[in-house]
Protein backbone atom coordinates (compact mmCIF):
# COMPACT_ATOMS: atom_id res chain seq x y z
CA MET A 1 47.30 83.29 -41.07
CA ALA A 2 44.71 84.52 -38.56
CA VAL A 3 43.54 88.16 -38.47
CA PRO A 4 43.78 89.66 -34.99
CA PRO A 5 40.37 90.54 -33.41
CA GLN A 6 41.15 94.26 -33.55
CA GLY A 7 41.86 94.06 -37.31
CA ARG A 8 38.63 92.17 -37.85
CA ARG A 9 36.69 94.93 -36.09
CA ARG A 10 38.30 97.57 -38.30
CA SER A 11 37.42 95.61 -41.42
CA LEU A 12 33.85 95.18 -40.22
CA MET A 13 33.55 98.92 -39.38
CA ARG A 14 34.98 99.81 -42.79
CA LEU A 15 32.43 97.51 -44.46
CA HIS A 16 29.59 99.11 -42.49
CA LYS A 17 30.78 102.59 -43.52
CA ILE A 18 30.97 101.57 -47.17
CA ILE A 19 27.44 100.09 -47.06
CA PHE A 20 26.12 103.19 -45.26
CA VAL A 21 27.70 105.58 -47.80
CA PHE A 22 26.44 103.39 -50.66
CA PHE A 23 22.81 103.56 -49.46
CA MET A 24 23.04 107.25 -48.63
CA SER A 25 24.13 107.95 -52.19
CA PHE A 26 20.72 106.72 -53.43
CA ILE A 27 18.68 109.24 -51.42
CA PRO A 28 19.17 112.16 -53.85
CA ILE A 29 18.45 109.84 -56.78
CA TYR A 30 15.29 108.29 -55.28
CA PRO A 31 13.82 110.91 -52.92
CA PHE A 32 11.09 109.90 -50.57
CA SER A 33 7.73 111.00 -51.90
CA VAL A 34 6.53 112.56 -48.69
CA LYS A 35 4.64 115.32 -50.49
CA ALA A 36 2.41 112.81 -52.26
CA GLN A 37 1.36 111.39 -48.92
CA VAL A 38 0.45 114.73 -47.32
CA PRO A 39 -3.20 115.76 -47.86
CA PRO A 40 -3.75 119.07 -49.64
CA SER A 41 -3.79 122.10 -47.42
CA LEU A 42 -7.08 123.21 -45.94
CA GLU A 43 -7.10 126.34 -48.11
CA ILE A 44 -6.71 124.28 -51.29
CA GLN A 45 -9.51 121.93 -50.18
CA LYS A 46 -11.77 124.91 -49.44
CA ALA A 47 -11.05 126.45 -52.84
CA GLU A 48 -11.78 123.15 -54.57
CA ASN A 49 -15.02 122.68 -52.60
CA ALA A 50 -16.11 126.27 -53.33
CA GLU A 51 -15.51 125.78 -57.06
CA GLU A 52 -17.33 122.44 -56.94
CA ALA A 53 -20.25 124.19 -55.21
CA ARG A 54 -20.34 126.87 -57.93
CA GLN A 55 -20.40 124.15 -60.58
CA PHE A 56 -23.17 122.36 -58.69
CA ILE A 57 -25.29 125.54 -58.58
CA ARG A 58 -24.75 126.10 -62.32
CA GLU A 59 -25.91 122.52 -62.94
CA TYR A 60 -28.90 123.05 -60.63
CA THR A 61 -30.07 126.11 -62.58
CA ALA A 62 -29.46 124.47 -65.97
CA ARG A 63 -31.42 121.33 -65.06
CA PHE A 64 -34.30 123.35 -63.61
CA MET A 65 -34.59 125.44 -66.78
CA LYS A 66 -34.66 122.26 -68.92
CA LEU A 67 -37.96 121.31 -67.23
CA ASP A 68 -36.94 117.65 -66.88
CA LEU A 69 -37.89 116.43 -63.40
CA ASP A 70 -35.78 113.28 -62.99
CA PRO A 71 -32.35 114.77 -63.81
CA PHE A 72 -33.20 117.79 -61.66
CA MET A 73 -34.24 115.67 -58.66
CA GLU A 74 -30.97 113.67 -58.89
CA LEU A 75 -29.36 116.76 -57.35
CA PHE A 76 -31.32 116.25 -54.13
CA SER A 77 -30.44 113.84 -51.34
CA LYS A 78 -33.26 111.47 -50.43
CA LYS A 79 -32.93 113.09 -46.97
CA ALA A 80 -33.49 116.58 -48.40
CA VAL A 81 -35.69 119.13 -46.66
CA GLU A 82 -37.07 122.31 -48.19
CA ASN A 83 -37.85 125.39 -46.10
CA ARG A 84 -37.12 123.38 -42.96
CA MET A 85 -40.27 121.27 -43.27
CA LEU A 86 -40.95 119.65 -46.66
CA PRO A 87 -39.46 116.15 -47.03
CA TYR A 88 -38.08 114.76 -50.29
CA ALA A 89 -41.40 113.26 -51.53
CA ASP A 90 -43.18 116.60 -51.10
CA ILE A 91 -40.31 118.48 -52.74
CA ARG A 92 -40.50 116.15 -55.72
CA GLU A 93 -44.27 116.59 -56.02
CA ALA A 94 -44.02 120.38 -55.82
CA TYR A 95 -41.40 120.48 -58.57
CA ARG A 96 -43.42 118.01 -60.65
CA LYS A 97 -46.41 120.35 -60.55
CA THR A 98 -44.25 123.38 -61.28
CA ILE A 99 -42.60 121.74 -64.28
CA ALA A 100 -45.88 120.25 -65.59
CA GLY A 101 -47.53 123.67 -65.70
CA SER A 102 -44.57 125.54 -67.14
CA ARG A 103 -43.83 126.46 -70.72
CA SER A 104 -40.49 127.93 -69.67
CA ILE A 105 -38.46 128.82 -66.62
CA VAL A 106 -35.67 131.38 -66.59
CA TYR A 107 -33.60 131.13 -63.43
CA SER A 108 -30.93 133.62 -62.46
CA LEU A 109 -28.86 133.60 -59.33
CA ASP A 110 -26.37 135.81 -57.53
CA ILE A 111 -24.21 133.89 -55.07
CA TYR A 112 -23.44 135.87 -51.92
CA SER A 113 -21.24 133.41 -50.07
CA ILE A 114 -19.89 129.88 -50.07
CA ARG A 115 -18.71 128.41 -46.78
CA THR A 116 -16.99 125.06 -46.88
CA TYR A 117 -16.87 122.56 -44.04
CA ALA A 118 -15.37 119.08 -43.69
CA GLN A 119 -18.48 117.25 -44.95
CA SER A 120 -20.68 120.01 -46.39
CA VAL A 121 -20.89 123.33 -48.18
CA PHE A 122 -23.26 126.18 -47.28
CA VAL A 123 -24.24 128.52 -50.12
CA THR A 124 -26.31 131.71 -49.85
CA GLY A 125 -27.59 133.92 -52.60
CA ARG A 126 -30.50 135.66 -54.26
CA TYR A 127 -32.58 134.09 -57.00
CA LYS A 128 -35.03 135.31 -59.61
CA ILE A 129 -37.36 132.97 -61.47
CA ILE A 130 -39.47 133.97 -64.46
CA GLN A 131 -42.01 131.22 -65.02
CA GLY A 132 -43.96 131.09 -68.29
CA PHE A 133 -47.15 129.04 -68.06
CA LYS A 134 -48.49 126.61 -70.66
CA LYS A 135 -51.89 128.30 -70.39
CA GLY A 136 -50.29 131.68 -71.05
CA GLY A 137 -48.97 134.43 -68.87
CA LYS A 138 -45.99 134.49 -66.59
CA THR A 139 -45.01 135.22 -63.03
CA VAL A 140 -41.79 136.37 -61.40
CA PHE A 141 -40.49 135.16 -58.05
CA SER A 142 -37.39 136.38 -56.28
CA GLY A 143 -35.83 136.19 -52.86
CA ASP A 144 -32.96 134.92 -50.79
CA ILE A 145 -31.92 131.29 -51.00
CA GLN A 146 -29.67 129.01 -48.96
CA TRP A 147 -28.38 125.55 -49.80
CA ASN A 148 -26.76 123.07 -47.47
CA LEU A 149 -24.90 120.66 -49.76
CA ILE A 150 -23.53 117.33 -48.58
CA ARG A 151 -21.42 114.69 -50.27
CA GLU A 152 -23.19 111.43 -51.11
CA ASN A 153 -21.47 108.73 -53.16
CA GLY A 154 -18.77 111.18 -54.21
CA SER A 155 -21.10 113.96 -55.45
CA LEU A 156 -22.63 117.02 -53.91
CA LYS A 157 -26.36 116.75 -53.16
CA ILE A 158 -28.87 119.15 -51.67
CA ARG A 159 -29.49 118.26 -48.03
CA GLU A 160 -31.48 121.39 -47.32
CA VAL A 161 -32.73 124.32 -49.35
CA ASN A 162 -34.41 127.35 -47.80
CA TYR A 163 -35.70 130.29 -49.72
CA GLY A 164 -37.81 133.35 -49.26
CA ARG A 165 -40.33 134.45 -51.86
CA SER A 166 -41.49 137.86 -52.88
CA ARG A 167 -43.62 138.25 -56.01
CA LEU A 168 -42.58 141.09 -58.25
């Protein structure tokens, strides 16, 4: 016995409704993970970058006080500039001489501000260095300091460091 065309349409519509309701019932069970695909908010990224910058500065001071040139210089980009004019090779040589003549270095720092940008972090502060010499004696330097940190190969590196000096 043949089903009239109108009955066939009703059966087909009923089947479509059943399939639709069936698939809709899975949405609460398997929610779309839209949140995982959304990048973190800008404020969260800034907070993470600021904390990463603080950690970088702590590492910078620790490595400098250890008087080991190579690990310390790993914190600098090969494109680094110091006081707006010294290129990387000259920076390395200056720190080599400083470390070679030092018995000890005590480095303290007060961070004034950390400003985060899409590809960099700008840090300002005030430093104080007490340098003990191998030949005896010591000297104290202090002043303002600024770092421009960039990301290279997943890590922060010093792109530029500028500081003022005043002997105490």
